[in-house]
Amino acid sequence: MVKSLIGLLIPVFLFIFISDIHSQTADNSNDRQLMKITDKQIIKTQIVNCSTDKVWSKWTTHEGLLTFFGEDNKIELIPGGSFEIYFSKDAPAGLRGSEGCKVLSFLPNQMFTFSWNAPPKYMEERNSGYYTWVVVNLKSASPNQTEVVLTHLGWPEDKNWDLVYEYFDAAWGKVMEWLKDSCK
């Protein structure tokens, strides 16, 4: 009964969440403008030699993330909690990594969703106040293997954001390889 109720509520929550994301605005030269969101997605799939529990821990705990992604992190596994991964701890505050990113939702051992910002290389987009979002889905392939599907979406219709999309299309492939290597 609980599983069927959760199955019914997920589409409702996703509709509300996506509707809210689609209404985000960006601050460009103090002018608020509505950003049109495309249906573009980055999708990366990887089978890793870890149980679903272990992969879940790798994505959702401080210690787990350190095994494959970033120099340090701050993770609060609650909706609205921090999901900050620091790639350069010595950089000035605001330029260390995914500062300001948040946990959006999760289903333990199944799905984890978080907001994601543009890298410091793209300062205009990073400072726009707009965040894309990432969904990590886990599915047991066997007792010691998990299929991980990472989907990055919420891309604005904008030529500068197209560069950020290209950046992450390459970067997420590397992250998935690091995850796979951490499960050997």
N, C-alpha and C. Protein backbone atom coordinates (compact mmCIF):
# COMPACT_ATOMS: atom_id res chain seq x y z
N MET A 1 0.83 -1.20 0.00
CA MET A 1 0.00 0.00 0.00
C MET A 1 0.87 1.26 0.00
N VAL A 2 1.91 1.27 0.86
CA VAL A 2 2.78 2.44 0.95
C VAL A 2 3.50 2.66 -0.38
N LYS A 3 4.01 1.54 -0.99
CA LYS A 3 4.71 1.67 -2.28
C LYS A 3 3.78 2.22 -3.36
N SER A 4 2.53 1.75 -3.39
CA SER A 4 1.61 2.23 -4.42
C SER A 4 1.26 3.70 -4.17
N LEU A 5 1.16 4.10 -2.91
CA LEU A 5 0.90 5.50 -2.59
C LEU A 5 2.07 6.37 -3.01
N ILE A 6 3.28 5.90 -2.71
CA ILE A 6 4.47 6.65 -3.13
C ILE A 6 4.51 6.74 -4.65
N GLY A 7 4.20 5.64 -5.33
CA GLY A 7 4.18 5.64 -6.79
C GLY A 7 3.19 6.64 -7.36
N LEU A 8 2.08 6.85 -6.69
CA LEU A 8 1.09 7.83 -7.13
C LEU A 8 1.52 9.26 -6.83
N LEU A 9 2.21 9.46 -5.71
CA LEU A 9 2.58 10.81 -5.29
C LEU A 9 3.80 11.34 -6.03
N ILE A 10 4.70 10.48 -6.45
CA ILE A 10 5.93 10.94 -7.12
C ILE A 10 5.61 11.80 -8.34
N PRO A 11 4.73 11.36 -9.25
CA PRO A 11 4.44 12.24 -10.41
C PRO A 11 3.86 13.59 -10.00
N VAL A 12 3.06 13.62 -8.95
CA VAL A 12 2.48 14.89 -8.48
C VAL A 12 3.59 15.81 -7.98
N PHE A 13 4.48 15.27 -7.13
CA PHE A 13 5.58 16.08 -6.61
C PHE A 13 6.51 16.54 -7.73
N LEU A 14 6.80 15.65 -8.68
CA LEU A 14 7.67 16.04 -9.79
C LEU A 14 7.02 17.14 -10.63
N PHE A 15 5.69 17.04 -10.86
CA PHE A 15 5.00 18.08 -11.61
C PHE A 15 5.11 19.43 -10.90
N ILE A 16 4.88 19.43 -9.59
CA ILE A 16 4.97 20.67 -8.81
C ILE A 16 6.40 21.20 -8.85
N PHE A 17 7.38 20.31 -8.65
CA PHE A 17 8.78 20.71 -8.65
C PHE A 17 9.19 21.27 -10.01
N ILE A 18 8.86 20.56 -11.08
CA ILE A 18 9.26 21.01 -12.41
C ILE A 18 8.54 22.30 -12.78
N SER A 19 7.28 22.43 -12.39
CA SER A 19 6.55 23.68 -12.65
C SER A 19 7.25 24.84 -11.96
N ASP A 20 7.71 24.62 -10.71
CA ASP A 20 8.42 25.65 -9.98
C ASP A 20 9.75 25.98 -10.64
N ILE A 21 10.49 24.96 -11.07
CA ILE A 21 11.77 25.19 -11.74
C ILE A 21 11.55 25.97 -13.03
N HIS A 22 10.52 25.61 -13.79
CA HIS A 22 10.26 26.30 -15.05
C HIS A 22 9.93 27.77 -14.85
N SER A 23 9.49 28.14 -13.67
CA SER A 23 9.15 29.54 -13.42
C SER A 23 10.33 30.33 -12.86
N GLN A 24 11.50 29.70 -12.74
CA GLN A 24 12.67 30.41 -12.21
C GLN A 24 13.01 31.58 -13.13
N THR A 25 13.56 32.60 -12.53
CA THR A 25 14.01 33.74 -13.30
C THR A 25 15.49 33.93 -13.08
N ALA A 26 16.10 34.65 -13.99
CA ALA A 26 17.53 34.95 -13.85
C ALA A 26 17.69 36.45 -13.76
N ASP A 27 18.73 36.87 -13.07
CA ASP A 27 19.02 38.28 -12.93
C ASP A 27 20.11 38.66 -13.92
N ASN A 28 19.74 39.35 -14.98
CA ASN A 28 20.69 39.82 -15.98
C ASN A 28 20.68 41.33 -15.97
N SER A 29 21.80 41.93 -15.53
CA SER A 29 21.93 43.39 -15.48
C SER A 29 20.76 44.03 -14.75
N ASN A 30 20.39 43.44 -13.63
CA ASN A 30 19.29 43.90 -12.77
C ASN A 30 17.92 43.83 -13.43
N ASP A 31 17.82 43.25 -14.62
CA ASP A 31 16.52 43.04 -15.26
C ASP A 31 16.12 41.59 -15.02
N ARG A 32 14.91 41.40 -14.48
CA ARG A 32 14.43 40.04 -14.29
C ARG A 32 13.77 39.59 -15.58
N GLN A 33 14.20 38.46 -16.09
CA GLN A 33 13.59 37.94 -17.31
C GLN A 33 13.27 36.47 -17.13
N LEU A 34 12.19 36.03 -17.73
CA LEU A 34 11.80 34.65 -17.64
C LEU A 34 12.69 33.82 -18.56
N MET A 35 13.25 32.75 -18.03
CA MET A 35 14.10 31.87 -18.82
C MET A 35 13.26 30.74 -19.38
N LYS A 36 13.37 30.53 -20.68
CA LYS A 36 12.68 29.41 -21.30
C LYS A 36 13.55 28.17 -21.13
N ILE A 37 12.96 27.10 -20.59
CA ILE A 37 13.68 25.87 -20.34
C ILE A 37 13.45 24.91 -21.50
N THR A 38 14.55 24.31 -21.97
CA THR A 38 14.47 23.36 -23.09
C THR A 38 14.21 21.95 -22.56
N ASP A 39 14.01 21.03 -23.48
CA ASP A 39 13.86 19.63 -23.09
C ASP A 39 15.18 18.87 -23.24
N LYS A 40 16.29 19.59 -23.41
CA LYS A 40 17.60 18.94 -23.52
C LYS A 40 17.95 18.23 -22.22
N GLN A 41 18.59 17.07 -22.38
CA GLN A 41 19.02 16.30 -21.23
C GLN A 41 20.38 15.69 -21.52
N ILE A 42 21.18 15.60 -20.49
CA ILE A 42 22.40 14.80 -20.55
C ILE A 42 22.07 13.52 -19.81
N ILE A 43 22.28 12.38 -20.45
CA ILE A 43 22.00 11.10 -19.81
C ILE A 43 23.26 10.24 -19.90
N LYS A 44 23.73 9.80 -18.74
CA LYS A 44 24.90 8.93 -18.65
C LYS A 44 24.50 7.69 -17.85
N THR A 45 24.80 6.52 -18.41
CA THR A 45 24.45 5.26 -17.77
C THR A 45 25.72 4.45 -17.54
N GLN A 46 25.81 3.82 -16.37
CA GLN A 46 26.98 3.03 -16.02
C GLN A 46 26.56 1.86 -15.14
N ILE A 47 27.07 0.67 -15.42
CA ILE A 47 26.92 -0.47 -14.52
C ILE A 47 28.18 -0.49 -13.66
N VAL A 48 27.99 -0.50 -12.34
CA VAL A 48 29.13 -0.51 -11.42
C VAL A 48 29.08 -1.76 -10.56
N ASN A 49 30.25 -2.22 -10.14
CA ASN A 49 30.37 -3.44 -9.34
C ASN A 49 30.26 -3.15 -7.85
N CYS A 50 29.14 -2.57 -7.47
CA CYS A 50 28.81 -2.27 -6.07
C CYS A 50 27.32 -2.53 -5.89
N SER A 51 26.95 -2.90 -4.68
CA SER A 51 25.52 -3.07 -4.38
C SER A 51 24.83 -1.71 -4.45
N THR A 52 23.53 -1.74 -4.58
CA THR A 52 22.76 -0.50 -4.60
C THR A 52 22.96 0.29 -3.31
N ASP A 53 23.01 -0.40 -2.17
CA ASP A 53 23.26 0.28 -0.89
C ASP A 53 24.58 1.04 -0.91
N LYS A 54 25.60 0.40 -1.45
CA LYS A 54 26.93 1.01 -1.48
C LYS A 54 26.94 2.23 -2.42
N VAL A 55 26.33 2.10 -3.58
CA VAL A 55 26.28 3.23 -4.52
C VAL A 55 25.47 4.37 -3.93
N TRP A 56 24.37 4.04 -3.25
CA TRP A 56 23.57 5.06 -2.58
C TRP A 56 24.43 5.85 -1.60
N SER A 57 25.21 5.13 -0.80
CA SER A 57 26.09 5.76 0.18
C SER A 57 27.15 6.62 -0.51
N LYS A 58 27.65 6.18 -1.64
CA LYS A 58 28.66 6.96 -2.37
C LYS A 58 28.10 8.31 -2.82
N TRP A 59 26.85 8.36 -3.21
CA TRP A 59 26.24 9.61 -3.69
C TRP A 59 25.70 10.49 -2.56
N THR A 60 25.36 9.90 -1.42
CA THR A 60 24.59 10.66 -0.44
C THR A 60 25.26 10.87 0.91
N THR A 61 26.54 10.48 1.04
CA THR A 61 27.24 10.71 2.29
C THR A 61 28.56 11.42 2.02
N HIS A 62 29.02 12.14 3.03
CA HIS A 62 30.30 12.84 2.94
C HIS A 62 31.42 11.87 2.59
N GLU A 63 31.52 10.79 3.34
CA GLU A 63 32.59 9.81 3.14
C GLU A 63 32.46 9.12 1.78
N GLY A 64 31.24 8.79 1.40
CA GLY A 64 31.02 8.10 0.13
C GLY A 64 31.43 8.94 -1.06
N LEU A 65 31.05 10.21 -1.06
CA LEU A 65 31.40 11.08 -2.17
C LEU A 65 32.91 11.24 -2.30
N LEU A 66 33.61 11.27 -1.16
CA LEU A 66 35.06 11.41 -1.20
C LEU A 66 35.75 10.25 -1.92
N THR A 67 35.07 9.11 -2.06
CA THR A 67 35.69 7.96 -2.72
C THR A 67 35.78 8.12 -4.24
N PHE A 68 35.04 9.12 -4.80
CA PHE A 68 35.10 9.25 -6.26
C PHE A 68 34.91 10.65 -6.80
N PHE A 69 34.48 11.63 -6.00
CA PHE A 69 34.04 12.90 -6.59
C PHE A 69 34.37 14.06 -5.67
N GLY A 70 35.34 14.90 -6.06
CA GLY A 70 35.65 16.12 -5.35
C GLY A 70 36.70 15.95 -4.25
N GLU A 71 37.22 17.10 -3.80
CA GLU A 71 38.21 17.13 -2.71
C GLU A 71 37.55 17.12 -1.34
N ASP A 72 36.36 17.69 -1.25
CA ASP A 72 35.62 17.75 0.01
C ASP A 72 34.16 18.00 -0.35
N ASN A 73 33.27 17.96 0.63
CA ASN A 73 31.85 18.18 0.35
C ASN A 73 31.10 18.50 1.63
N LYS A 74 29.89 18.98 1.42
CA LYS A 74 28.94 19.20 2.51
C LYS A 74 27.60 18.66 2.03
N ILE A 75 27.16 17.57 2.65
CA ILE A 75 25.92 16.92 2.24
C ILE A 75 25.00 16.82 3.44
N GLU A 76 23.78 17.30 3.27
CA GLU A 76 22.72 17.18 4.27
C GLU A 76 21.57 16.47 3.59
N LEU A 77 21.41 15.20 3.85
CA LEU A 77 20.42 14.39 3.13
C LEU A 77 19.00 14.64 3.64
N ILE A 78 18.53 15.85 3.36
CA ILE A 78 17.14 16.24 3.60
C ILE A 78 16.75 17.17 2.46
N PRO A 79 15.48 17.18 2.04
CA PRO A 79 15.09 18.12 1.00
C PRO A 79 15.44 19.55 1.42
N GLY A 80 16.14 20.25 0.57
CA GLY A 80 16.60 21.60 0.86
C GLY A 80 17.95 21.64 1.55
N GLY A 81 18.48 20.46 1.92
CA GLY A 81 19.80 20.40 2.55
C GLY A 81 20.91 20.66 1.54
N SER A 82 22.06 20.97 2.03
CA SER A 82 23.22 21.26 1.16
C SER A 82 23.65 20.04 0.37
N PHE A 83 24.01 20.27 -0.88
CA PHE A 83 24.70 19.27 -1.71
C PHE A 83 25.82 20.02 -2.41
N GLU A 84 26.86 20.28 -1.66
CA GLU A 84 27.99 21.07 -2.15
C GLU A 84 29.21 20.17 -2.27
N ILE A 85 29.79 20.14 -3.45
CA ILE A 85 31.01 19.38 -3.69
C ILE A 85 32.10 20.39 -4.02
N TYR A 86 33.21 20.30 -3.32
CA TYR A 86 34.30 21.26 -3.50
C TYR A 86 35.41 20.61 -4.32
N PHE A 87 35.72 21.24 -5.44
CA PHE A 87 36.74 20.72 -6.35
C PHE A 87 38.07 21.44 -6.16
N SER A 88 38.00 22.61 -5.56
CA SER A 88 39.21 23.40 -5.30
C SER A 88 39.04 24.09 -3.94
N LYS A 89 39.45 23.39 -2.88
CA LYS A 89 39.26 23.91 -1.52
C LYS A 89 40.01 25.22 -1.28
N ASP A 90 41.07 25.46 -2.04
CA ASP A 90 41.88 26.67 -1.85
C ASP A 90 41.35 27.88 -2.62
N ALA A 91 40.36 27.67 -3.47
CA ALA A 91 39.77 28.78 -4.23
C ALA A 91 38.96 29.67 -3.30
N PRO A 92 38.72 30.92 -3.70
CA PRO A 92 37.88 31.80 -2.87
C PRO A 92 36.47 31.23 -2.70
N ALA A 93 35.84 31.58 -1.59
CA ALA A 93 34.46 31.15 -1.35
C ALA A 93 33.59 31.54 -2.54
N GLY A 94 32.72 30.63 -2.92
CA GLY A 94 31.85 30.85 -4.07
C GLY A 94 32.42 30.29 -5.36
N LEU A 95 33.71 29.94 -5.33
CA LEU A 95 34.36 29.41 -6.53
C LEU A 95 34.98 28.03 -6.29
N ARG A 96 34.61 27.42 -5.19
CA ARG A 96 35.22 26.13 -4.82
C ARG A 96 34.57 24.94 -5.49
N GLY A 97 33.33 25.11 -5.91
CA GLY A 97 32.61 23.99 -6.51
C GLY A 97 31.13 24.27 -6.60
N SER A 98 30.35 23.34 -6.11
CA SER A 98 28.89 23.46 -6.26
C SER A 98 28.24 24.16 -5.06
N GLU A 99 28.87 25.23 -4.60
CA GLU A 99 28.28 25.98 -3.49
C GLU A 99 26.87 26.44 -3.84
N GLY A 100 25.99 26.33 -2.87
CA GLY A 100 24.61 26.76 -3.07
C GLY A 100 23.70 25.68 -3.62
N CYS A 101 24.24 24.55 -4.05
CA CYS A 101 23.40 23.47 -4.57
C CYS A 101 22.70 22.76 -3.42
N LYS A 102 21.52 22.25 -3.71
CA LYS A 102 20.67 21.67 -2.66
C LYS A 102 20.15 20.29 -3.06
N VAL A 103 19.88 19.47 -2.05
CA VAL A 103 19.15 18.22 -2.24
C VAL A 103 17.71 18.61 -2.58
N LEU A 104 17.18 18.07 -3.66
CA LEU A 104 15.81 18.39 -4.04
C LEU A 104 14.84 17.32 -3.56
N SER A 105 15.18 16.05 -3.79
CA SER A 105 14.33 14.95 -3.33
C SER A 105 15.12 13.66 -3.40
N PHE A 106 14.57 12.61 -2.79
CA PHE A 106 15.22 11.31 -2.87
C PHE A 106 14.26 10.21 -2.45
N LEU A 107 14.52 9.02 -2.96
CA LEU A 107 13.91 7.78 -2.52
C LEU A 107 15.08 6.88 -2.16
N PRO A 108 15.28 6.55 -0.89
CA PRO A 108 16.47 5.80 -0.49
C PRO A 108 16.74 4.58 -1.37
N ASN A 109 18.00 4.47 -1.77
CA ASN A 109 18.51 3.38 -2.61
C ASN A 109 17.88 3.30 -4.01
N GLN A 110 17.14 4.34 -4.41
CA GLN A 110 16.51 4.33 -5.72
C GLN A 110 16.80 5.59 -6.54
N MET A 111 16.61 6.77 -5.93
CA MET A 111 16.68 8.02 -6.69
C MET A 111 17.16 9.15 -5.79
N PHE A 112 18.01 9.99 -6.37
CA PHE A 112 18.56 11.14 -5.64
C PHE A 112 18.59 12.31 -6.62
N THR A 113 18.04 13.45 -6.21
CA THR A 113 17.96 14.62 -7.09
C THR A 113 18.54 15.83 -6.38
N PHE A 114 19.35 16.61 -7.12
CA PHE A 114 19.97 17.79 -6.53
C PHE A 114 20.08 18.90 -7.57
N SER A 115 20.13 20.13 -7.09
CA SER A 115 20.34 21.26 -7.99
C SER A 115 21.82 21.33 -8.34
N TRP A 116 22.13 22.00 -9.46
CA TRP A 116 23.51 22.06 -9.92
C TRP A 116 23.76 23.41 -10.58
N ASN A 117 24.92 23.99 -10.27
CA ASN A 117 25.23 25.30 -10.82
C ASN A 117 26.27 25.19 -11.93
N ALA A 118 26.47 26.29 -12.63
CA ALA A 118 27.49 26.36 -13.68
C ALA A 118 28.86 26.46 -13.02
N PRO A 119 29.90 25.92 -13.66
CA PRO A 119 31.24 26.01 -13.08
C PRO A 119 31.79 27.44 -13.14
N PRO A 120 32.80 27.76 -12.33
CA PRO A 120 33.38 29.11 -12.33
C PRO A 120 33.88 29.57 -13.70
N LYS A 121 34.16 28.63 -14.57
CA LYS A 121 34.60 28.96 -15.93
C LYS A 121 33.54 29.79 -16.67
N TYR A 122 32.28 29.64 -16.27
CA TYR A 122 31.15 30.34 -16.89
C TYR A 122 30.50 31.25 -15.85
N MET A 123 31.20 32.33 -15.51
CA MET A 123 30.78 33.19 -14.40
C MET A 123 29.42 33.85 -14.60
N GLU A 124 29.11 34.29 -15.80
CA GLU A 124 27.82 34.95 -16.03
C GLU A 124 26.67 33.98 -15.70
N GLU A 125 26.79 32.75 -16.17
CA GLU A 125 25.75 31.76 -15.91
C GLU A 125 25.75 31.35 -14.43
N ARG A 126 26.93 31.21 -13.85
CA ARG A 126 27.05 30.83 -12.44
C ARG A 126 26.40 31.88 -11.54
N ASN A 127 26.60 33.15 -11.89
CA ASN A 127 26.06 34.25 -11.08
C ASN A 127 24.62 34.61 -11.41
N SER A 128 24.02 33.92 -12.37
CA SER A 128 22.66 34.25 -12.79
C SER A 128 21.61 33.91 -11.73
N GLY A 129 21.97 33.03 -10.80
CA GLY A 129 21.00 32.59 -9.81
C GLY A 129 20.18 31.40 -10.27
N TYR A 130 20.42 30.94 -11.49
CA TYR A 130 19.67 29.80 -12.02
C TYR A 130 20.46 28.52 -11.79
N TYR A 131 19.78 27.46 -11.40
CA TYR A 131 20.37 26.15 -11.20
C TYR A 131 19.66 25.13 -12.08
N THR A 132 20.43 24.28 -12.73
CA THR A 132 19.86 23.11 -13.39
C THR A 132 19.66 22.05 -12.31
N TRP A 133 19.23 20.85 -12.69
CA TRP A 133 19.09 19.81 -11.70
C TRP A 133 19.52 18.47 -12.27
N VAL A 134 19.94 17.60 -11.36
CA VAL A 134 20.47 16.29 -11.71
C VAL A 134 19.66 15.23 -10.96
N VAL A 135 19.33 14.15 -11.68
CA VAL A 135 18.62 13.01 -11.11
C VAL A 135 19.53 11.80 -11.26
N VAL A 136 19.81 11.13 -10.16
CA VAL A 136 20.60 9.90 -10.18
C VAL A 136 19.65 8.76 -9.80
N ASN A 137 19.43 7.84 -10.75
CA ASN A 137 18.57 6.67 -10.51
C ASN A 137 19.44 5.43 -10.34
N LEU A 138 19.10 4.60 -9.37
CA LEU A 138 19.82 3.37 -9.09
C LEU A 138 18.89 2.18 -9.26
N LYS A 139 19.40 1.15 -9.92
CA LYS A 139 18.62 -0.08 -10.10
C LYS A 139 19.56 -1.26 -9.95
N SER A 140 19.19 -2.18 -9.09
CA SER A 140 20.02 -3.36 -8.88
C SER A 140 20.07 -4.19 -10.16
N ALA A 141 21.29 -4.48 -10.63
CA ALA A 141 21.48 -5.33 -11.80
C ALA A 141 21.76 -6.77 -11.34
N SER A 142 22.29 -6.92 -10.14
CA SER A 142 22.56 -8.19 -9.47
C SER A 142 22.90 -7.83 -8.03
N PRO A 143 23.10 -8.80 -7.16
CA PRO A 143 23.41 -8.44 -5.76
C PRO A 143 24.63 -7.52 -5.61
N ASN A 144 25.58 -7.63 -6.52
CA ASN A 144 26.80 -6.82 -6.41
C ASN A 144 27.01 -5.89 -7.59
N GLN A 145 25.97 -5.61 -8.34
CA GLN A 145 26.06 -4.67 -9.45
C GLN A 145 24.84 -3.76 -9.45
N THR A 146 25.10 -2.51 -9.80
CA THR A 146 24.03 -1.51 -9.85
C THR A 146 24.12 -0.75 -11.17
N GLU A 147 22.96 -0.56 -11.78
CA GLU A 147 22.88 0.32 -12.94
C GLU A 147 22.61 1.73 -12.42
N VAL A 148 23.47 2.66 -12.79
CA VAL A 148 23.34 4.05 -12.38
C VAL A 148 23.02 4.86 -13.62
N VAL A 149 21.91 5.60 -13.57
CA VAL A 149 21.53 6.48 -14.68
C VAL A 149 21.50 7.90 -14.14
N LEU A 150 22.37 8.73 -14.66
CA LEU A 150 22.45 10.14 -14.28
C LEU A 150 21.81 10.96 -15.39
N THR A 151 20.83 11.79 -15.05
CA THR A 151 20.16 12.67 -16.01
C THR A 151 20.29 14.10 -15.51
N HIS A 152 20.85 14.95 -16.35
CA HIS A 152 21.04 16.37 -16.01
C HIS A 152 20.11 17.16 -16.92
N LEU A 153 19.18 17.91 -16.33
CA LEU A 153 18.18 18.61 -17.12
C LEU A 153 17.88 19.99 -16.55
N GLY A 154 16.93 20.68 -17.19
CA GLY A 154 16.59 22.03 -16.78
C GLY A 154 17.42 23.08 -17.48
N TRP A 155 17.82 22.79 -18.72
CA TRP A 155 18.73 23.67 -19.46
C TRP A 155 17.98 24.84 -20.09
N PRO A 156 18.40 26.07 -19.79
CA PRO A 156 17.79 27.25 -20.40
C PRO A 156 18.09 27.31 -21.90
N GLU A 157 17.19 27.93 -22.61
CA GLU A 157 17.40 28.18 -24.04
C GLU A 157 18.27 29.43 -24.15
N ASP A 158 19.57 29.22 -24.35
CA ASP A 158 20.52 30.33 -24.34
C ASP A 158 21.86 29.81 -24.86
N LYS A 159 22.47 30.54 -25.78
CA LYS A 159 23.72 30.06 -26.39
C LYS A 159 24.84 29.92 -25.36
N ASN A 160 24.87 30.78 -24.34
CA ASN A 160 25.89 30.64 -23.30
C ASN A 160 25.66 29.39 -22.45
N TRP A 161 24.40 29.08 -22.17
CA TRP A 161 24.10 27.86 -21.43
C TRP A 161 24.39 26.62 -22.27
N ASP A 162 24.36 26.76 -23.60
CA ASP A 162 24.74 25.64 -24.45
C ASP A 162 26.19 25.23 -24.20
N LEU A 163 27.05 26.20 -23.90
CA LEU A 163 28.46 25.90 -23.58
C LEU A 163 28.56 25.15 -22.25
N VAL A 164 27.73 25.53 -21.30
CA VAL A 164 27.71 24.84 -20.00
C VAL A 164 27.22 23.40 -20.20
N TYR A 165 26.21 23.25 -21.04
CA TYR A 165 25.70 21.91 -21.38
C TYR A 165 26.81 21.04 -21.95
N GLU A 166 27.56 21.57 -22.91
CA GLU A 166 28.66 20.81 -23.52
C GLU A 166 29.72 20.44 -22.48
N TYR A 167 30.01 21.37 -21.58
CA TYR A 167 30.98 21.13 -20.52
C TYR A 167 30.54 19.92 -19.67
N PHE A 168 29.28 19.93 -19.24
CA PHE A 168 28.80 18.87 -18.37
C PHE A 168 28.54 17.57 -19.12
N ASP A 169 28.28 17.64 -20.41
CA ASP A 169 28.13 16.41 -21.18
C ASP A 169 29.42 15.61 -21.11
N ALA A 170 30.55 16.29 -21.18
CA ALA A 170 31.85 15.62 -21.04
C ALA A 170 32.15 15.28 -19.57
N ALA A 171 31.89 16.22 -18.66
CA ALA A 171 32.25 16.04 -17.25
C ALA A 171 31.51 14.88 -16.60
N TRP A 172 30.21 14.74 -16.85
CA TRP A 172 29.46 13.66 -16.20
C TRP A 172 29.94 12.30 -16.66
N GLY A 173 30.40 12.17 -17.90
CA GLY A 173 30.98 10.91 -18.35
C GLY A 173 32.19 10.53 -17.51
N LYS A 174 33.02 11.52 -17.19
CA LYS A 174 34.20 11.29 -16.34
C LYS A 174 33.77 10.89 -14.93
N VAL A 175 32.79 11.59 -14.39
CA VAL A 175 32.31 11.29 -13.03
C VAL A 175 31.81 9.85 -12.95
N MET A 176 31.08 9.42 -13.97
CA MET A 176 30.56 8.05 -13.97
C MET A 176 31.70 7.03 -14.05
N GLU A 177 32.76 7.36 -14.78
CA GLU A 177 33.94 6.48 -14.82
C GLU A 177 34.61 6.43 -13.45
N TRP A 178 34.73 7.58 -12.78
CA TRP A 178 35.31 7.61 -11.43
C TRP A 178 34.49 6.75 -10.48
N LEU A 179 33.16 6.85 -10.60
CA LEU A 179 32.28 6.03 -9.76
C LEU A 179 32.56 4.56 -10.02
N LYS A 180 32.61 4.19 -11.29
CA LYS A 180 32.87 2.78 -11.66
C LYS A 180 34.22 2.33 -11.09
N ASP A 181 35.25 3.16 -11.24
CA ASP A 181 36.58 2.81 -10.72
C ASP A 181 36.58 2.66 -9.20
N SER A 182 35.75 3.44 -8.52
CA SER A 182 35.71 3.38 -7.04
C SER A 182 35.03 2.10 -6.55
N CYS A 183 34.37 1.40 -7.45
CA CYS A 183 33.64 0.18 -7.08
C CYS A 183 34.42 -1.10 -7.42
N LYS A 184 35.67 -0.97 -7.82
CA LYS A 184 36.45 -2.16 -8.18
C LYS A 184 36.89 -2.90 -6.95
